[in-house]
Amino acid sequence: MGDAENRLKELETLFLNGPLRSGHQCFSIETLLDVLVVLYDESCNSSLRREKTVSDFIQFEVLLLGGFSLSDACFCVLI
């Protein structure tokens, strides 16, 4: 295997095993999603939004994170 294939295999192992089984050497999926949401919010509110790479990122994130948005129903308390 090539060097890139070995690195990909190592990354897959880290993330598929999760942070607890990989000796806390990686982030959880939830943390990575939080990072994406913050980066998306900051990109949308930035003057850099007009740049092509940033606008492409925003369009990609709208498709990816569209189903993960919180609504009022997420915070309803059942009585």
PDB file of N, CA and C in Angstrom:
ATOM      1  N   MET A   1       0.838  -1.186   0.000  1.00  0.00           N
ATOM      2  CA  MET A   1       0.000   0.000   0.000  1.00  0.00           C
ATOM      3  C   MET A   1       0.878   1.243   0.000  1.00  0.00           C
ATOM      4  N   GLY A   2       0.360   2.287  -0.640  1.00  0.00           N
ATOM      5  CA  GLY A   2       1.071   3.553  -0.671  1.00  0.00           C
ATOM      6  C   GLY A   2       0.904   4.323   0.623  1.00  0.00           C
ATOM      7  N   ASP A   3       1.657   5.406   0.726  1.00  0.00           N
ATOM      8  CA  ASP A   3       1.619   6.235   1.929  1.00  0.00           C
ATOM      9  C   ASP A   3       0.232   6.841   2.148  1.00  0.00           C
ATOM     10  N   ALA A   4      -0.399   7.313   1.072  1.00  0.00           N
ATOM     11  CA  ALA A   4      -1.733   7.907   1.188  1.00  0.00           C
ATOM     12  C   ALA A   4      -2.754   6.857   1.622  1.00  0.00           C
ATOM     13  N   GLU A   5      -2.630   5.651   1.104  1.00  0.00           N
ATOM     14  CA  GLU A   5      -3.558   4.584   1.488  1.00  0.00           C
ATOM     15  C   GLU A   5      -3.391   4.209   2.957  1.00  0.00           C
ATOM     16  N   ASN A   6      -2.153   4.202   3.442  1.00  0.00           N
ATOM     17  CA  ASN A   6      -1.908   3.912   4.857  1.00  0.00           C
ATOM     18  C   ASN A   6      -2.506   4.988   5.759  1.00  0.00           C
ATOM     19  N   ARG A   7      -2.356   6.246   5.368  1.00  0.00           N
ATOM     20  CA  ARG A   7      -2.929   7.342   6.162  1.00  0.00           C
ATOM     21  C   ARG A   7      -4.449   7.265   6.170  1.00  0.00           C
ATOM     22  N   LEU A   8      -5.046   6.950   5.016  1.00  0.00           N
ATOM     23  CA  LEU A   8      -6.500   6.811   4.941  1.00  0.00           C
ATOM     24  C   LEU A   8      -6.979   5.670   5.831  1.00  0.00           C
ATOM     25  N   LYS A   9      -6.281   4.559   5.796  1.00  0.00           N
ATOM     26  CA  LYS A   9      -6.636   3.414   6.641  1.00  0.00           C
ATOM     27  C   LYS A   9      -6.538   3.791   8.120  1.00  0.00           C
ATOM     28  N   GLU A  10      -5.494   4.540   8.502  1.00  0.00           N
ATOM     29  CA  GLU A  10      -5.335   4.965   9.893  1.00  0.00           C
ATOM     30  C   GLU A  10      -6.462   5.906  10.315  1.00  0.00           C
ATOM     31  N   LEU A  11      -6.832   6.843   9.435  1.00  0.00           N
ATOM     32  CA  LEU A  11      -7.941   7.750   9.737  1.00  0.00           C
ATOM     33  C   LEU A  11      -9.254   6.996   9.890  1.00  0.00           C
ATOM     34  N   GLU A  12      -9.500   6.052   8.994  1.00  0.00           N
ATOM     35  CA  GLU A  12     -10.717   5.248   9.089  1.00  0.00           C
ATOM     36  C   GLU A  12     -10.768   4.494  10.410  1.00  0.00           C
ATOM     37  N   THR A  13      -9.653   3.916  10.802  1.00  0.00           N
ATOM     38  CA  THR A  13      -9.592   3.178  12.061  1.00  0.00           C
ATOM     39  C   THR A  13      -9.871   4.093  13.243  1.00  0.00           C
ATOM     40  N   LEU A  14      -9.260   5.280  13.249  1.00  0.00           N
ATOM     41  CA  LEU A  14      -9.471   6.227  14.344  1.00  0.00           C
ATOM     42  C   LEU A  14     -10.934   6.616  14.472  1.00  0.00           C
ATOM     43  N   PHE A  15     -11.556   6.987  13.359  1.00  0.00           N
ATOM     44  CA  PHE A  15     -12.920   7.497  13.425  1.00  0.00           C
ATOM     45  C   PHE A  15     -13.966   6.400  13.539  1.00  0.00           C
ATOM     46  N   LEU A  16     -13.704   5.239  12.999  1.00  0.00           N
ATOM     47  CA  LEU A  16     -14.672   4.155  13.143  1.00  0.00           C
ATOM     48  C   LEU A  16     -14.647   3.568  14.547  1.00  0.00           C
ATOM     49  N   ASN A  17     -13.495   3.595  15.194  1.00  0.00           N
ATOM     50  CA  ASN A  17     -13.401   3.112  16.573  1.00  0.00           C
ATOM     51  C   ASN A  17     -13.932   4.129  17.568  1.00  0.00           C
ATOM     52  N   GLY A  18     -13.942   5.395  17.202  1.00  0.00           N
ATOM     53  CA  GLY A  18     -14.424   6.436  18.103  1.00  0.00           C
ATOM     54  C   GLY A  18     -13.345   6.915  19.048  1.00  0.00           C
ATOM     55  N   PRO A  19     -13.625   8.012  19.749  1.00  0.00           N
ATOM     56  CA  PRO A  19     -12.608   8.616  20.604  1.00  0.00           C
ATOM     57  C   PRO A  19     -12.245   7.770  21.827  1.00  0.00           C
ATOM     58  N   LEU A  20     -13.157   6.984  22.341  1.00  0.00           N
ATOM     59  CA  LEU A  20     -12.849   6.197  23.537  1.00  0.00           C
ATOM     60  C   LEU A  20     -11.916   5.030  23.234  1.00  0.00           C
ATOM     61  N   ARG A  21     -12.161   4.343  22.133  1.00  0.00           N
ATOM     62  CA  ARG A  21     -11.333   3.180  21.798  1.00  0.00           C
ATOM     63  C   ARG A  21     -10.052   3.553  21.076  1.00  0.00           C
ATOM     64  N   SER A  22      -9.922   4.803  20.635  1.00  0.00           N
ATOM     65  CA  SER A  22      -8.698   5.209  19.937  1.00  0.00           C
ATOM     66  C   SER A  22      -7.794   6.036  20.841  1.00  0.00           C
ATOM     67  N   GLY A  23      -7.983   5.927  22.135  1.00  0.00           N
ATOM     68  CA  GLY A  23      -7.114   6.621  23.076  1.00  0.00           C
ATOM     69  C   GLY A  23      -7.265   8.127  23.038  1.00  0.00           C
ATOM     70  N   HIS A  24      -8.471   8.599  22.763  1.00  0.00           N
ATOM     71  CA  HIS A  24      -8.764  10.042  22.705  1.00  0.00           C
ATOM     72  C   HIS A  24      -7.891  10.760  21.677  1.00  0.00           C
ATOM     73  N   GLN A  25      -7.580  10.089  20.578  1.00  0.00           N
ATOM     74  CA  GLN A  25      -6.761  10.686  19.530  1.00  0.00           C
ATOM     75  C   GLN A  25      -7.600  11.284  18.413  1.00  0.00           C
ATOM     76  N   CYS A  26      -8.901  11.214  18.525  1.00  0.00           N
ATOM     77  CA  CYS A  26      -9.750  11.782  17.485  1.00  0.00           C
ATOM     78  C   CYS A  26     -10.963  12.440  18.123  1.00  0.00           C
ATOM     79  N   PHE A  27     -11.710  13.161  17.317  1.00  0.00           N
ATOM     80  CA  PHE A  27     -12.921  13.827  17.773  1.00  0.00           C
ATOM     81  C   PHE A  27     -14.126  12.949  17.476  1.00  0.00           C
ATOM     82  N   SER A  28     -15.186  13.149  18.219  1.00  0.00           N
ATOM     83  CA  SER A  28     -16.417  12.415  17.951  1.00  0.00           C
ATOM     84  C   SER A  28     -17.113  13.028  16.731  1.00  0.00           C
ATOM     85  N   ILE A  29     -18.030  12.287  16.163  1.00  0.00           N
ATOM     86  CA  ILE A  29     -18.801  12.776  15.019  1.00  0.00           C
ATOM     87  C   ILE A  29     -19.588  14.018  15.417  1.00  0.00           C
ATOM     88  N   GLU A  30     -20.124  14.022  16.630  1.00  0.00           N
ATOM     89  CA  GLU A  30     -20.889  15.177  17.109  1.00  0.00           C
ATOM     90  C   GLU A  30     -20.022  16.431  17.152  1.00  0.00           C
ATOM     91  N   THR A  31     -18.785  16.279  17.617  1.00  0.00           N
ATOM     92  CA  THR A  31     -17.866  17.417  17.677  1.00  0.00           C
ATOM     93  C   THR A  31     -17.552  17.931  16.282  1.00  0.00           C
ATOM     94  N   LEU A  32     -17.325  17.021  15.351  1.00  0.00           N
ATOM     95  CA  LEU A  32     -17.035  17.438  13.977  1.00  0.00           C
ATOM     96  C   LEU A  32     -18.231  18.151  13.357  1.00  0.00           C
ATOM     97  N   LEU A  33     -19.449  17.676  13.633  1.00  0.00           N
ATOM     98  CA  LEU A  33     -20.647  18.364  13.137  1.00  0.00           C
ATOM     99  C   LEU A  33     -20.777  19.750  13.760  1.00  0.00           C
ATOM    100  N   ASP A  34     -20.467  19.865  15.053  1.00  0.00           N
ATOM    101  CA  ASP A  34     -20.487  21.176  15.709  1.00  0.00           C
ATOM    102  C   ASP A  34     -19.503  22.136  15.053  1.00  0.00           C
ATOM    103  N   VAL A  35     -18.322  21.635  14.727  1.00  0.00           N
ATOM    104  CA  VAL A  35     -17.310  22.464  14.064  1.00  0.00           C
ATOM    105  C   VAL A  35     -17.817  22.922  12.701  1.00  0.00           C
ATOM    106  N   LEU A  36     -18.448  22.018  11.948  1.00  0.00           N
ATOM    107  CA  LEU A  36     -18.993  22.389  10.642  1.00  0.00           C
ATOM    108  C   LEU A  36     -20.074  23.457  10.763  1.00  0.00           C
ATOM    109  N   VAL A  37     -20.938  23.328  11.769  1.00  0.00           N
ATOM    110  CA  VAL A  37     -22.012  24.309  11.960  1.00  0.00           C
ATOM    111  C   VAL A  37     -21.431  25.677  12.299  1.00  0.00           C
ATOM    112  N   VAL A  38     -20.445  25.715  13.192  1.00  0.00           N
ATOM    113  CA  VAL A  38     -19.821  26.995  13.561  1.00  0.00           C
ATOM    114  C   VAL A  38     -19.111  27.607  12.363  1.00  0.00           C
ATOM    115  N   LEU A  39     -18.375  26.791  11.617  1.00  0.00           N
ATOM    116  CA  LEU A  39     -17.683  27.301  10.432  1.00  0.00           C
ATOM    117  C   LEU A  39     -18.679  27.822   9.403  1.00  0.00           C
ATOM    118  N   TYR A  40     -19.791  27.120   9.236  1.00  0.00           N
ATOM    119  CA  TYR A  40     -20.844  27.560   8.319  1.00  0.00           C
ATOM    120  C   TYR A  40     -21.426  28.901   8.761  1.00  0.00           C
ATOM    121  N   ASP A  41     -21.765  29.013  10.049  1.00  0.00           N
ATOM    122  CA  ASP A  41     -22.329  30.270  10.563  1.00  0.00           C
ATOM    123  C   ASP A  41     -21.361  31.432  10.377  1.00  0.00           C
ATOM    124  N   GLU A  42     -20.102  31.196  10.694  1.00  0.00           N
ATOM    125  CA  GLU A  42     -19.099  32.255  10.549  1.00  0.00           C
ATOM    126  C   GLU A  42     -18.899  32.624   9.078  1.00  0.00           C
ATOM    127  N   SER A  43     -18.954  31.636   8.198  1.00  0.00           N
ATOM    128  CA  SER A  43     -18.783  31.907   6.763  1.00  0.00           C
ATOM    129  C   SER A  43     -19.953  32.708   6.209  1.00  0.00           C
ATOM    130  N   CYS A  44     -21.155  32.401   6.673  1.00  0.00           N
ATOM    131  CA  CYS A  44     -22.343  33.115   6.197  1.00  0.00           C
ATOM    132  C   CYS A  44     -22.337  34.575   6.628  1.00  0.00           C
ATOM    133  N   ASN A  45     -21.795  34.857   7.791  1.00  0.00           N
ATOM    134  CA  ASN A  45     -21.799  36.212   8.332  1.00  0.00           C
ATOM    135  C   ASN A  45     -20.527  36.985   8.015  1.00  0.00           C
ATOM    136  N   SER A  46     -19.676  36.427   7.202  1.00  0.00           N
ATOM    137  CA  SER A  46     -18.383  37.034   6.916  1.00  0.00           C
ATOM    138  C   SER A  46     -18.416  37.826   5.616  1.00  0.00           C
ATOM    139  N   SER A  47     -17.521  38.798   5.527  1.00  0.00           N
ATOM    140  CA  SER A  47     -17.374  39.531   4.268  1.00  0.00           C
ATOM    141  C   SER A  47     -16.713  38.656   3.207  1.00  0.00           C
ATOM    142  N   LEU A  48     -16.139  37.536   3.616  1.00  0.00           N
ATOM    143  CA  LEU A  48     -15.509  36.603   2.679  1.00  0.00           C
ATOM    144  C   LEU A  48     -16.534  35.782   1.898  1.00  0.00           C
ATOM    145  N   ARG A  49     -17.801  35.935   2.247  1.00  0.00           N
ATOM    146  CA  ARG A  49     -18.860  35.145   1.613  1.00  0.00           C
ATOM    147  C   ARG A  49     -18.867  35.304   0.093  1.00  0.00           C
ATOM    148  N   ARG A  50     -18.387  36.430  -0.388  1.00  0.00           N
ATOM    149  CA  ARG A  50     -18.403  36.691  -1.836  1.00  0.00           C
ATOM    150  C   ARG A  50     -17.332  35.901  -2.590  1.00  0.00           C
ATOM    151  N   GLU A  51     -16.329  35.401  -1.884  1.00  0.00           N
ATOM    152  CA  GLU A  51     -15.281  34.621  -2.550  1.00  0.00           C
ATOM    153  C   GLU A  51     -15.840  33.268  -2.984  1.00  0.00           C
ATOM    154  N   LYS A  52     -15.362  32.800  -4.116  1.00  0.00           N
ATOM    155  CA  LYS A  52     -15.911  31.579  -4.707  1.00  0.00           C
ATOM    156  C   LYS A  52     -15.748  30.364  -3.798  1.00  0.00           C
ATOM    157  N   THR A  53     -14.579  30.180  -3.212  1.00  0.00           N
ATOM    158  CA  THR A  53     -14.377  28.998  -2.372  1.00  0.00           C
ATOM    159  C   THR A  53     -15.283  29.020  -1.146  1.00  0.00           C
ATOM    160  N   VAL A  54     -15.486  30.195  -0.563  1.00  0.00           N
ATOM    161  CA  VAL A  54     -16.354  30.307   0.610  1.00  0.00           C
ATOM    162  C   VAL A  54     -17.804  30.089   0.205  1.00  0.00           C
ATOM    163  N   SER A  55     -18.225  30.676  -0.907  1.00  0.00           N
ATOM    164  CA  SER A  55     -19.614  30.486  -1.346  1.00  0.00           C
ATOM    165  C   SER A  55     -19.871  29.033  -1.748  1.00  0.00           C
ATOM    166  N   ASP A  56     -18.880  28.369  -2.344  1.00  0.00           N
ATOM    167  CA  ASP A  56     -19.026  26.941  -2.658  1.00  0.00           C
ATOM    168  C   ASP A  56     -19.164  26.114  -1.382  1.00  0.00           C
ATOM    169  N   PHE A  57     -18.366  26.458  -0.368  1.00  0.00           N
ATOM    170  CA  PHE A  57     -18.456  25.769   0.918  1.00  0.00           C
ATOM    171  C   PHE A  57     -19.839  25.958   1.529  1.00  0.00           C
ATOM    172  N   ILE A  58     -20.357  27.181   1.473  1.00  0.00           N
ATOM    173  CA  ILE A  58     -21.680  27.469   2.041  1.00  0.00           C
ATOM    174  C   ILE A  58     -22.754  26.656   1.326  1.00  0.00           C
ATOM    175  N   GLN A  59     -22.686  26.591   0.002  1.00  0.00           N
ATOM    176  CA  GLN A  59     -23.669  25.806  -0.749  1.00  0.00           C
ATOM    177  C   GLN A  59     -23.587  24.326  -0.389  1.00  0.00           C
ATOM    178  N   PHE A  60     -22.372  23.821  -0.239  1.00  0.00           N
ATOM    179  CA  PHE A  60     -22.182  22.422   0.145  1.00  0.00           C
ATOM    180  C   PHE A  60     -22.761  22.163   1.531  1.00  0.00           C
ATOM    181  N   GLU A  61     -22.523  23.068   2.455  1.00  0.00           N
ATOM    182  CA  GLU A  61     -23.004  22.902   3.825  1.00  0.00           C
ATOM    183  C   GLU A  61     -24.522  22.996   3.915  1.00  0.00           C
ATOM    184  N   VAL A  62     -25.137  23.816   3.083  1.00  0.00           N
ATOM    185  CA  VAL A  62     -26.602  23.901   3.077  1.00  0.00           C
ATOM    186  C   VAL A  62     -27.182  22.533   2.737  1.00  0.00           C
ATOM    187  N   LEU A  63     -26.590  21.868   1.771  1.00  0.00           N
ATOM    188  CA  LEU A  63     -27.061  20.533   1.397  1.00  0.00           C
ATOM    189  C   LEU A  63     -26.778  19.516   2.496  1.00  0.00           C
ATOM    190  N   LEU A  64     -25.601  19.605   3.096  1.00  0.00           N
ATOM    191  CA  LEU A  64     -25.192  18.625   4.094  1.00  0.00           C
ATOM    192  C   LEU A  64     -25.899  18.819   5.427  1.00  0.00           C
ATOM    193  N   LEU A  65     -25.948  20.046   5.916  1.00  0.00           N
ATOM    194  CA  LEU A  65     -26.469  20.316   7.252  1.00  0.00           C
ATOM    195  C   LEU A  65     -27.937  20.724   7.273  1.00  0.00           C
ATOM    196  N   GLY A  66     -28.570  20.784   6.129  1.00  0.00           N
ATOM    197  CA  GLY A  66     -29.962  21.214   6.079  1.00  0.00           C
ATOM    198  C   GLY A  66     -30.883  20.402   6.962  1.00  0.00           C
ATOM    199  N   GLY A  67     -30.673  19.117   7.058  1.00  0.00           N
ATOM    200  CA  GLY A  67     -31.520  18.263   7.878  1.00  0.00           C
ATOM    201  C   GLY A  67     -31.177  18.259   9.347  1.00  0.00           C
ATOM    202  N   PHE A  68     -30.092  18.927   9.727  1.00  0.00           N
ATOM    203  CA  PHE A  68     -29.657  18.918  11.117  1.00  0.00           C
ATOM    204  C   PHE A  68     -30.041  20.175  11.875  1.00  0.00           C
ATOM    205  N   SER A  69     -30.798  21.058  11.265  1.00  0.00           N
ATOM    206  CA  SER A  69     -31.148  22.314  11.930  1.00  0.00           C
ATOM    207  C   SER A  69     -32.103  22.065  13.090  1.00  0.00           C
ATOM    208  N   LEU A  70     -31.899  22.808  14.162  1.00  0.00           N
ATOM    209  CA  LEU A  70     -32.783  22.712  15.319  1.00  0.00           C
ATOM    210  C   LEU A  70     -34.007  23.582  15.102  1.00  0.00           C
ATOM    211  N   SER A  71     -35.116  23.130  15.621  1.00  0.00           N
ATOM    212  CA  SER A  71     -36.345  23.916  15.550  1.00  0.00           C
ATOM    213  C   SER A  71     -36.942  24.011  16.950  1.00  0.00           C
ATOM    214  N   ASP A  72     -38.034  24.759  17.074  1.00  0.00           N
ATOM    215  CA  ASP A  72     -38.703  24.888  18.367  1.00  0.00           C
ATOM    216  C   ASP A  72     -39.168  23.529  18.888  1.00  0.00           C
ATOM    217  N   ALA A  73     -39.542  22.640  17.981  1.00  0.00           N
ATOM    218  CA  ALA A  73     -40.034  21.325  18.383  1.00  0.00           C
ATOM    219  C   ALA A  73     -38.959  20.501  19.099  1.00  0.00           C
ATOM    220  N   CYS A  74     -37.701  20.801  18.850  1.00  0.00           N
ATOM    221  CA  CYS A  74     -36.614  20.074  19.509  1.00  0.00           C
ATOM    222  C   CYS A  74     -36.572  20.351  21.005  1.00  0.00           C
ATOM    223  N   PHE A  75     -37.165  21.465  21.423  1.00  0.00           N
ATOM    224  CA  PHE A  75     -37.078  21.878  22.816  1.00  0.00           C
ATOM    225  C   PHE A  75     -38.417  21.788  23.552  1.00  0.00           C
ATOM    226  N   CYS A  76     -39.386  21.137  22.950  1.00  0.00           N
ATOM    227  CA  CYS A  76     -40.692  20.989  23.603  1.00  0.00           C
ATOM    228  C   CYS A  76     -40.562  20.042  24.793  1.00  0.00           C
ATOM    229  N   VAL A  77     -41.196  20.416  25.871  1.00  0.00           N
ATOM    230  CA  VAL A  77     -41.202  19.584  27.070  1.00  0.00           C
ATOM    231  C   VAL A  77     -42.573  18.938  27.175  1.00  0.00           C
ATOM    232  N   LEU A  78     -42.564  17.632  27.270  1.00  0.00           N
ATOM    233  CA  LEU A  78     -43.828  16.905  27.398  1.00  0.00           C
ATOM    234  C   LEU A  78     -44.271  16.931  28.847  1.00  0.00           C
ATOM    235  N   ILE A  79     -45.508  17.327  29.057  1.00  0.00           N
ATOM    236  CA  ILE A  79     -46.039  17.408  30.427  1.00  0.00           C
ATOM    237  C   ILE A  79     -47.021  16.287  30.650  1.00  0.00           C
TER     238      ILE A  79
END
